[in-house]
Amino acid sequence: MTYTLHQLAVGSYDLALDGIIIGSVVQDIAPGGSSRGWRAELLDELTPDQWPIPFRGIEPPFRTLEAAMAWLNGAAIVEGHSQQSHGFGH
């Protein structure tokens, strides 16, 4: 299983697992504009039995993007955008 991040905008990434988009990694911004950290989230369509490792419930926030990437088994940021959407539930 290989996670990759595909940047959509500053502070927003698609999260792909083996080339299939399954969620996102986004930066939480406070009303004043400061960063409150990062979070990784799965698509709403995924049921708990479809959640890949390490997802197991409400996930902790991450202080940095690098910490989120490490939690995702060393996910890498790749240039370009994955052409496949999620393959779960269809």
PDB file of N, CA and C in Angstrom:
ATOM      1  N   MET A   1       0.840  -1.177   0.000  1.00  0.00           N
ATOM      2  CA  MET A   1       0.000   0.000   0.000  1.00  0.00           C
ATOM      3  C   MET A   1       0.884   1.239   0.000  1.00  0.00           C
ATOM      4  N   THR A   2       0.655   2.104  -0.980  1.00  0.00           N
ATOM      5  CA  THR A   2       1.429   3.328  -1.080  1.00  0.00           C
ATOM      6  C   THR A   2       0.488   4.523  -1.125  1.00  0.00           C
ATOM      7  N   TYR A   3       0.658   5.429  -0.164  1.00  0.00           N
ATOM      8  CA  TYR A   3      -0.108   6.672  -0.152  1.00  0.00           C
ATOM      9  C   TYR A   3       0.670   7.754  -0.882  1.00  0.00           C
ATOM     10  N   THR A   4      -0.048   8.576  -1.651  1.00  0.00           N
ATOM     11  CA  THR A   4       0.538   9.756  -2.277  1.00  0.00           C
ATOM     12  C   THR A   4      -0.409  10.924  -2.087  1.00  0.00           C
ATOM     13  N   LEU A   5       0.159  12.125  -2.092  1.00  0.00           N
ATOM     14  CA  LEU A   5      -0.614  13.361  -1.986  1.00  0.00           C
ATOM     15  C   LEU A   5      -0.492  14.120  -3.292  1.00  0.00           C
ATOM     16  N   HIS A   6      -1.621  14.667  -3.755  1.00  0.00           N
ATOM     17  CA  HIS A   6      -1.680  15.417  -5.009  1.00  0.00           C
ATOM     18  C   HIS A   6      -2.258  16.789  -4.681  1.00  0.00           C
ATOM     19  N   GLN A   7      -1.428  17.836  -4.791  1.00  0.00           N
ATOM     20  CA  GLN A   7      -1.846  19.169  -4.359  1.00  0.00           C
ATOM     21  C   GLN A   7      -2.956  19.717  -5.236  1.00  0.00           C
ATOM     22  N   LEU A   8      -4.018  20.206  -4.578  1.00  0.00           N
ATOM     23  CA  LEU A   8      -5.138  20.857  -5.248  1.00  0.00           C
ATOM     24  C   LEU A   8      -4.999  22.371  -5.170  1.00  0.00           C
ATOM     25  N   ALA A   9      -4.610  22.854  -4.000  1.00  0.00           N
ATOM     26  CA  ALA A   9      -4.412  24.277  -3.725  1.00  0.00           C
ATOM     27  C   ALA A   9      -3.497  24.349  -2.507  1.00  0.00           C
ATOM     28  N   VAL A  10      -3.094  25.537  -2.134  1.00  0.00           N
ATOM     29  CA  VAL A  10      -2.261  25.686  -0.943  1.00  0.00           C
ATOM     30  C   VAL A  10      -3.028  25.118   0.252  1.00  0.00           C
ATOM     31  N   GLY A  11      -2.417  24.174   0.956  1.00  0.00           N
ATOM     32  CA  GLY A  11      -3.041  23.595   2.140  1.00  0.00           C
ATOM     33  C   GLY A  11      -4.088  22.537   1.871  1.00  0.00           C
ATOM     34  N   SER A  12      -4.168  22.020   0.647  1.00  0.00           N
ATOM     35  CA  SER A  12      -5.195  21.037   0.301  1.00  0.00           C
ATOM     36  C   SER A  12      -4.633  20.005  -0.677  1.00  0.00           C
ATOM     37  N   TYR A  13      -4.755  18.734  -0.302  1.00  0.00           N
ATOM     38  CA  TYR A  13      -4.227  17.643  -1.120  1.00  0.00           C
ATOM     39  C   TYR A  13      -5.257  16.530  -1.249  1.00  0.00           C
ATOM     40  N   ASP A  14      -5.358  15.943  -2.440  1.00  0.00           N
ATOM     41  CA  ASP A  14      -6.053  14.670  -2.583  1.00  0.00           C
ATOM     42  C   ASP A  14      -5.161  13.610  -1.972  1.00  0.00           C
ATOM     43  N   LEU A  15      -5.770  12.632  -1.331  1.00  0.00           N
ATOM     44  CA  LEU A  15      -5.045  11.503  -0.765  1.00  0.00           C
ATOM     45  C   LEU A  15      -5.345  10.277  -1.617  1.00  0.00           C
ATOM     46  N   ALA A  16      -4.312   9.712  -2.218  1.00  0.00           N
ATOM     47  CA  ALA A  16      -4.482   8.521  -3.055  1.00  0.00           C
ATOM     48  C   ALA A  16      -3.805   7.329  -2.394  1.00  0.00           C
ATOM     49  N   LEU A  17      -4.433   6.179  -2.550  1.00  0.00           N
ATOM     50  CA  LEU A  17      -3.863   4.914  -2.100  1.00  0.00           C
ATOM     51  C   LEU A  17      -3.685   4.045  -3.333  1.00  0.00           C
ATOM     52  N   ASP A  18      -2.448   3.712  -3.645  1.00  0.00           N
ATOM     53  CA  ASP A  18      -2.129   2.941  -4.853  1.00  0.00           C
ATOM     54  C   ASP A  18      -2.761   3.564  -6.099  1.00  0.00           C
ATOM     55  N   GLY A  19      -2.737   4.914  -6.173  1.00  0.00           N
ATOM     56  CA  GLY A  19      -3.217   5.632  -7.346  1.00  0.00           C
ATOM     57  C   GLY A  19      -4.701   5.932  -7.373  1.00  0.00           C
ATOM     58  N   ILE A  20      -5.456   5.507  -6.361  1.00  0.00           N
ATOM     59  CA  ILE A  20      -6.902   5.734  -6.311  1.00  0.00           C
ATOM     60  C   ILE A  20      -7.205   6.745  -5.212  1.00  0.00           C
ATOM     61  N   ILE A  21      -7.937   7.820  -5.553  1.00  0.00           N
ATOM     62  CA  ILE A  21      -8.281   8.863  -4.581  1.00  0.00           C
ATOM     63  C   ILE A  21      -9.249   8.294  -3.550  1.00  0.00           C
ATOM     64  N   ILE A  22      -8.848   8.368  -2.273  1.00  0.00           N
ATOM     65  CA  ILE A  22      -9.687   7.843  -1.198  1.00  0.00           C
ATOM     66  C   ILE A  22     -10.014   8.892  -0.137  1.00  0.00           C
ATOM     67  N   GLY A  23      -9.417  10.087  -0.229  1.00  0.00           N
ATOM     68  CA  GLY A  23      -9.650  11.097   0.788  1.00  0.00           C
ATOM     69  C   GLY A  23      -8.842  12.344   0.528  1.00  0.00           C
ATOM     70  N   SER A  24      -8.555  13.078   1.611  1.00  0.00           N
ATOM     71  CA  SER A  24      -7.806  14.325   1.477  1.00  0.00           C
ATOM     72  C   SER A  24      -6.967  14.572   2.723  1.00  0.00           C
ATOM     73  N   VAL A  25      -5.986  15.426   2.554  1.00  0.00           N
ATOM     74  CA  VAL A  25      -5.187  15.948   3.661  1.00  0.00           C
ATOM     75  C   VAL A  25      -5.286  17.460   3.542  1.00  0.00           C
ATOM     76  N   VAL A  26      -5.815  18.098   4.587  1.00  0.00           N
ATOM     77  CA  VAL A  26      -6.067  19.536   4.515  1.00  0.00           C
ATOM     78  C   VAL A  26      -5.517  20.240   5.747  1.00  0.00           C
ATOM     79  N   GLN A  27      -5.169  21.493   5.544  1.00  0.00           N
ATOM     80  CA  GLN A  27      -4.669  22.338   6.623  1.00  0.00           C
ATOM     81  C   GLN A  27      -5.850  23.047   7.263  1.00  0.00           C
ATOM     82  N   ASP A  28      -5.897  23.037   8.597  1.00  0.00           N
ATOM     83  CA  ASP A  28      -6.913  23.782   9.337  1.00  0.00           C
ATOM     84  C   ASP A  28      -6.392  25.191   9.575  1.00  0.00           C
ATOM     85  N   ILE A  29      -7.162  26.177   9.158  1.00  0.00           N
ATOM     86  CA  ILE A  29      -6.776  27.578   9.303  1.00  0.00           C
ATOM     87  C   ILE A  29      -7.733  28.263  10.280  1.00  0.00           C
ATOM     88  N   ALA A  30      -7.179  28.950  11.269  1.00  0.00           N
ATOM     89  CA  ALA A  30      -7.970  29.708  12.237  1.00  0.00           C
ATOM     90  C   ALA A  30      -8.540  30.952  11.562  1.00  0.00           C
ATOM     91  N   PRO A  31      -9.614  31.532  12.125  1.00  0.00           N
ATOM     92  CA  PRO A  31     -10.195  32.744  11.539  1.00  0.00           C
ATOM     93  C   PRO A  31      -9.177  33.860  11.309  1.00  0.00           C
ATOM     94  N   GLY A  32      -8.152  33.961  12.126  1.00  0.00           N
ATOM     95  CA  GLY A  32      -7.125  34.985  11.958  1.00  0.00           C
ATOM     96  C   GLY A  32      -6.098  34.658  10.886  1.00  0.00           C
ATOM     97  N   GLY A  33      -6.173  33.454  10.325  1.00  0.00           N
ATOM     98  CA  GLY A  33      -5.260  33.075   9.258  1.00  0.00           C
ATOM     99  C   GLY A  33      -4.101  32.190   9.673  1.00  0.00           C
ATOM    100  N   SER A  34      -3.968  31.916  10.982  1.00  0.00           N
ATOM    101  CA  SER A  34      -2.858  31.065  11.413  1.00  0.00           C
ATOM    102  C   SER A  34      -3.230  29.584  11.275  1.00  0.00           C
ATOM    103  N   SER A  35      -2.220  28.760  11.111  1.00  0.00           N
ATOM    104  CA  SER A  35      -2.435  27.324  10.948  1.00  0.00           C
ATOM    105  C   SER A  35      -2.731  26.676  12.290  1.00  0.00           C
ATOM    106  N   ARG A  36      -3.765  25.823  12.313  1.00  0.00           N
ATOM    107  CA  ARG A  36      -4.078  25.033  13.504  1.00  0.00           C
ATOM    108  C   ARG A  36      -3.633  23.589  13.324  1.00  0.00           C
ATOM    109  N   GLY A  37      -2.919  23.309  12.247  1.00  0.00           N
ATOM    110  CA  GLY A  37      -2.448  21.953  11.998  1.00  0.00           C
ATOM    111  C   GLY A  37      -3.076  21.366  10.746  1.00  0.00           C
ATOM    112  N   TRP A  38      -2.962  20.059  10.619  1.00  0.00           N
ATOM    113  CA  TRP A  38      -3.408  19.324   9.434  1.00  0.00           C
ATOM    114  C   TRP A  38      -4.271  18.152   9.857  1.00  0.00           C
ATOM    115  N   ARG A  39      -5.134  17.704   8.943  1.00  0.00           N
ATOM    116  CA  ARG A  39      -5.922  16.507   9.206  1.00  0.00           C
ATOM    117  C   ARG A  39      -6.034  15.668   7.938  1.00  0.00           C
ATOM    118  N   ALA A  40      -6.079  14.371   8.130  1.00  0.00           N
ATOM    119  CA  ALA A  40      -6.288  13.424   7.036  1.00  0.00           C
ATOM    120  C   ALA A  40      -7.695  12.875   7.190  1.00  0.00           C
ATOM    121  N   GLU A  41      -8.447  12.875   6.098  1.00  0.00           N
ATOM    122  CA  GLU A  41      -9.818  12.382   6.173  1.00  0.00           C
ATOM    123  C   GLU A  41     -10.143  11.552   4.942  1.00  0.00           C
ATOM    124  N   LEU A  42     -11.000  10.565   5.148  1.00  0.00           N
ATOM    125  CA  LEU A  42     -11.427   9.691   4.066  1.00  0.00           C
ATOM    126  C   LEU A  42     -12.701  10.221   3.431  1.00  0.00           C
ATOM    127  N   LEU A  43     -12.985   9.785   2.217  1.00  0.00           N
ATOM    128  CA  LEU A  43     -14.236  10.133   1.563  1.00  0.00           C
ATOM    129  C   LEU A  43     -15.406   9.626   2.399  1.00  0.00           C
ATOM    130  N   ASP A  44     -16.498  10.383   2.413  1.00  0.00           N
ATOM    131  CA  ASP A  44     -17.670  10.004   3.198  1.00  0.00           C
ATOM    132  C   ASP A  44     -18.267   8.677   2.752  1.00  0.00           C
ATOM    133  N   GLU A  45     -18.058   8.298   1.494  1.00  0.00           N
ATOM    134  CA  GLU A  45     -18.667   7.085   0.961  1.00  0.00           C
ATOM    135  C   GLU A  45     -18.046   5.808   1.514  1.00  0.00           C
ATOM    136  N   LEU A  46     -16.899   5.912   2.151  1.00  0.00           N
ATOM    137  CA  LEU A  46     -16.235   4.719   2.670  1.00  0.00           C
ATOM    138  C   LEU A  46     -16.850   4.299   3.999  1.00  0.00           C
ATOM    139  N   THR A  47     -17.158   3.030   4.124  1.00  0.00           N
ATOM    140  CA  THR A  47     -17.663   2.493   5.380  1.00  0.00           C
ATOM    141  C   THR A  47     -16.475   2.019   6.216  1.00  0.00           C
ATOM    142  N   PRO A  48     -16.658   1.898   7.536  1.00  0.00           N
ATOM    143  CA  PRO A  48     -15.525   1.505   8.386  1.00  0.00           C
ATOM    144  C   PRO A  48     -14.810   0.232   7.934  1.00  0.00           C
ATOM    145  N   ASP A  49     -15.526  -0.723   7.370  1.00  0.00           N
ATOM    146  CA  ASP A  49     -14.856  -1.947   6.923  1.00  0.00           C
ATOM    147  C   ASP A  49     -14.016  -1.726   5.666  1.00  0.00           C
ATOM    148  N   GLN A  50     -14.153  -0.555   5.027  1.00  0.00           N
ATOM    149  CA  GLN A  50     -13.353  -0.219   3.846  1.00  0.00           C
ATOM    150  C   GLN A  50     -12.175   0.693   4.180  1.00  0.00           C
ATOM    151  N   TRP A  51     -12.086   1.150   5.423  1.00  0.00           N
ATOM    152  CA  TRP A  51     -11.014   2.063   5.804  1.00  0.00           C
ATOM    153  C   TRP A  51      -9.667   1.356   5.724  1.00  0.00           C
ATOM    154  N   PRO A  52      -8.720   1.940   5.001  1.00  0.00           N
ATOM    155  CA  PRO A  52      -7.386   1.343   4.956  1.00  0.00           C
ATOM    156  C   PRO A  52      -6.588   1.703   6.213  1.00  0.00           C
ATOM    157  N   ILE A  53      -5.570   0.919   6.496  1.00  0.00           N
ATOM    158  CA  ILE A  53      -4.644   1.222   7.595  1.00  0.00           C
ATOM    159  C   ILE A  53      -3.909   2.508   7.241  1.00  0.00           C
ATOM    160  N   PRO A  54      -3.742   3.461   8.102  1.00  0.00           N
ATOM    161  CA  PRO A  54      -3.884   3.445   9.551  1.00  0.00           C
ATOM    162  C   PRO A  54      -5.204   4.024  10.055  1.00  0.00           C
ATOM    163  N   PHE A  55      -6.189   4.282   9.190  1.00  0.00           N
ATOM    164  CA  PHE A  55      -7.454   4.884   9.612  1.00  0.00           C
ATOM    165  C   PHE A  55      -8.246   3.898  10.456  1.00  0.00           C
ATOM    166  N   ARG A  56      -8.674   4.352  11.639  1.00  0.00           N
ATOM    167  CA  ARG A  56      -9.441   3.498  12.535  1.00  0.00           C
ATOM    168  C   ARG A  56     -10.500   4.267  13.314  1.00  0.00           C
ATOM    169  N   GLY A  57     -10.849   5.448  12.939  1.00  0.00           N
ATOM    170  CA  GLY A  57     -11.834   6.238  13.662  1.00  0.00           C
ATOM    171  C   GLY A  57     -11.497   7.704  13.525  1.00  0.00           C
ATOM    172  N   ILE A  58     -11.818   8.475  14.539  1.00  0.00           N
ATOM    173  CA  ILE A  58     -11.477   9.896  14.523  1.00  0.00           C
ATOM    174  C   ILE A  58      -9.969  10.008  14.687  1.00  0.00           C
ATOM    175  N   GLU A  59      -9.343  10.583  13.706  1.00  0.00           N
ATOM    176  CA  GLU A  59      -7.884  10.650  13.702  1.00  0.00           C
ATOM    177  C   GLU A  59      -7.403  11.934  14.370  1.00  0.00           C
ATOM    178  N   PRO A  60      -6.257  11.879  15.020  1.00  0.00           N
ATOM    179  CA  PRO A  60      -5.730  13.070  15.686  1.00  0.00           C
ATOM    180  C   PRO A  60      -5.285  14.109  14.667  1.00  0.00           C
ATOM    181  N   PRO A  61      -5.328  15.386  15.048  1.00  0.00           N
ATOM    182  CA  PRO A  61      -4.759  16.404  14.161  1.00  0.00           C
ATOM    183  C   PRO A  61      -3.235  16.282  14.173  1.00  0.00           C
ATOM    184  N   PHE A  62      -2.623  16.768  13.136  1.00  0.00           N
ATOM    185  CA  PHE A  62      -1.172  16.728  13.015  1.00  0.00           C
ATOM    186  C   PHE A  62      -0.641  18.148  13.039  1.00  0.00           C
ATOM    187  N   ARG A  63       0.470  18.365  13.711  1.00  0.00           N
ATOM    188  CA  ARG A  63       1.038  19.713  13.810  1.00  0.00           C
ATOM    189  C   ARG A  63       1.595  20.194  12.487  1.00  0.00           C
ATOM    190  N   THR A  64       2.113  19.260  11.682  1.00  0.00           N
ATOM    191  CA  THR A  64       2.722  19.635  10.406  1.00  0.00           C
ATOM    192  C   THR A  64       2.253  18.688   9.309  1.00  0.00           C
ATOM    193  N   LEU A  65       2.408  19.124   8.075  1.00  0.00           N
ATOM    194  CA  LEU A  65       2.124  18.258   6.933  1.00  0.00           C
ATOM    195  C   LEU A  65       3.049  17.045   6.968  1.00  0.00           C
ATOM    196  N   GLU A  66       4.293  17.257   7.344  1.00  0.00           N
ATOM    197  CA  GLU A  66       5.256  16.162   7.406  1.00  0.00           C
ATOM    198  C   GLU A  66       4.829  15.096   8.407  1.00  0.00           C
ATOM    199  N   ALA A  67       4.238  15.501   9.532  1.00  0.00           N
ATOM    200  CA  ALA A  67       3.752  14.535  10.523  1.00  0.00           C
ATOM    201  C   ALA A  67       2.601  13.713   9.950  1.00  0.00           C
ATOM    202  N   ALA A  68       1.706  14.354   9.211  1.00  0.00           N
ATOM    203  CA  ALA A  68       0.608  13.627   8.564  1.00  0.00           C
ATOM    204  C   ALA A  68       1.155  12.645   7.535  1.00  0.00           C
ATOM    205  N   MET A  69       2.141  13.077   6.768  1.00  0.00           N
ATOM    206  CA  MET A  69       2.748  12.205   5.759  1.00  0.00           C
ATOM    207  C   MET A  69       3.427  11.000   6.418  1.00  0.00           C
ATOM    208  N   ALA A  70       4.095  11.208   7.543  1.00  0.00           N
ATOM    209  CA  ALA A  70       4.740  10.103   8.258  1.00  0.00           C
ATOM    210  C   ALA A  70       3.694   9.113   8.761  1.00  0.00           C
ATOM    211  N   TRP A  71       2.574   9.620   9.290  1.00  0.00           N
ATOM    212  CA  TRP A  71       1.489   8.762   9.783  1.00  0.00           C
ATOM    213  C   TRP A  71       0.910   7.920   8.653  1.00  0.00           C
ATOM    214  N   LEU A  72       0.922   8.471   7.451  1.00  0.00           N
ATOM    215  CA  LEU A  72       0.427   7.761   6.267  1.00  0.00           C
ATOM    216  C   LEU A  72       1.529   6.902   5.643  1.00  0.00           C
ATOM    217  N   ASN A  73       2.349   6.313   6.493  1.00  0.00           N
ATOM    218  CA  ASN A  73       3.399   5.383   6.061  1.00  0.00           C
ATOM    219  C   ASN A  73       4.386   6.032   5.099  1.00  0.00           C
ATOM    220  N   GLY A  74       4.720   7.293   5.370  1.00  0.00           N
ATOM    221  CA  GLY A  74       5.712   7.976   4.540  1.00  0.00           C
ATOM    222  C   GLY A  74       5.176   8.433   3.196  1.00  0.00           C
ATOM    223  N   ALA A  75       3.920   8.867   3.157  1.00  0.00           N
ATOM    224  CA  ALA A  75       3.314   9.344   1.906  1.00  0.00           C
ATOM    225  C   ALA A  75       4.189  10.413   1.268  1.00  0.00           C
ATOM    226  N   ALA A  76       4.184  10.442  -0.054  1.00  0.00           N
ATOM    227  CA  ALA A  76       4.971  11.420  -0.802  1.00  0.00           C
ATOM    228  C   ALA A  76       4.046  12.348  -1.571  1.00  0.00           C
ATOM    229  N   ILE A  77       4.497  13.584  -1.769  1.00  0.00           N
ATOM    230  CA  ILE A  77       3.783  14.521  -2.634  1.00  0.00           C
ATOM    231  C   ILE A  77       4.267  14.267  -4.052  1.00  0.00           C
ATOM    232  N   VAL A  78       3.331  14.053  -4.968  1.00  0.00           N
ATOM    233  CA  VAL A  78       3.695  13.808  -6.363  1.00  0.00           C
ATOM    234  C   VAL A  78       3.140  14.923  -7.236  1.00  0.00           C
ATOM    235  N   GLU A  79       3.866  15.220  -8.289  1.00  0.00           N
ATOM    236  CA  GLU A  79       3.421  16.231  -9.246  1.00  0.00           C
ATOM    237  C   GLU A  79       2.329  15.633 -10.120  1.00  0.00           C
ATOM    238  N   GLY A  80       1.435  16.480 -10.584  1.00  0.00           N
ATOM    239  CA  GLY A  80       0.338  15.998 -11.416  1.00  0.00           C
ATOM    240  C   GLY A  80      -0.769  15.464 -10.536  1.00  0.00           C
ATOM    241  N   HIS A  81      -1.854  15.049 -11.166  1.00  0.00           N
ATOM    242  CA  HIS A  81      -3.031  14.629 -10.432  1.00  0.00           C
ATOM    243  C   HIS A  81      -3.442  13.236 -10.875  1.00  0.00           C
ATOM    244  N   SER A  82      -3.794  12.407  -9.923  1.00  0.00           N
ATOM    245  CA  SER A  82      -4.251  11.059 -10.242  1.00  0.00           C
ATOM    246  C   SER A  82      -5.520  11.131 -11.076  1.00  0.00           C
ATOM    247  N   GLN A  83      -5.620  10.278 -12.064  1.00  0.00           N
ATOM    248  CA  GLN A  83      -6.773  10.272 -12.955  1.00  0.00           C
ATOM    249  C   GLN A  83      -7.910   9.413 -12.434  1.00  0.00           C
ATOM    250  N   GLN A  84      -7.665   8.592 -11.444  1.00  0.00           N
ATOM    251  CA  GLN A  84      -8.681   7.678 -10.956  1.00  0.00           C
ATOM    252  C   GLN A  84      -9.331   8.227  -9.706  1.00  0.00           C
ATOM    253  N   SER A  85     -10.657   8.067  -9.630  1.00  0.00           N
ATOM    254  CA  SER A  85     -11.348   8.377  -8.388  1.00  0.00           C
ATOM    255  C   SER A  85     -11.388   7.100  -7.571  1.00  0.00           C
ATOM    256  N   HIS A  86     -11.998   7.179  -6.399  1.00  0.00           N
ATOM    257  CA  HIS A  86     -11.993   6.014  -5.522  1.00  0.00           C
ATOM    258  C   HIS A  86     -12.693   4.837  -6.180  1.00  0.00           C
ATOM    259  N   GLY A  87     -12.295   3.668  -5.790  1.00  0.00           N
ATOM    260  CA  GLY A  87     -12.881   2.464  -6.338  1.00  0.00           C
ATOM    261  C   GLY A  87     -13.680   1.695  -5.307  1.00  0.00           C
ATOM    262  N   PHE A  88     -14.007   2.314  -4.196  1.00  0.00           N
ATOM    263  CA  PHE A  88     -14.718   1.631  -3.130  1.00  0.00           C
ATOM    264  C   PHE A  88     -16.215   1.798  -3.304  1.00  0.00           C
ATOM    265  N   GLY A  89     -16.964   0.761  -2.994  1.00  0.00           N
ATOM    266  CA  GLY A  89     -18.414   0.860  -2.963  1.00  0.00           C
ATOM    267  C   GLY A  89     -19.078   0.859  -4.314  1.00  0.00           C
ATOM    268  N   HIS A  90     -18.339   0.645  -5.393  1.00  0.00           N
ATOM    269  CA  HIS A  90     -18.953   0.626  -6.724  1.00  0.00           C
ATOM    270  C   HIS A  90     -18.756  -0.703  -7.364  1.00  0.00           C
TER     271      HIS A  90
END
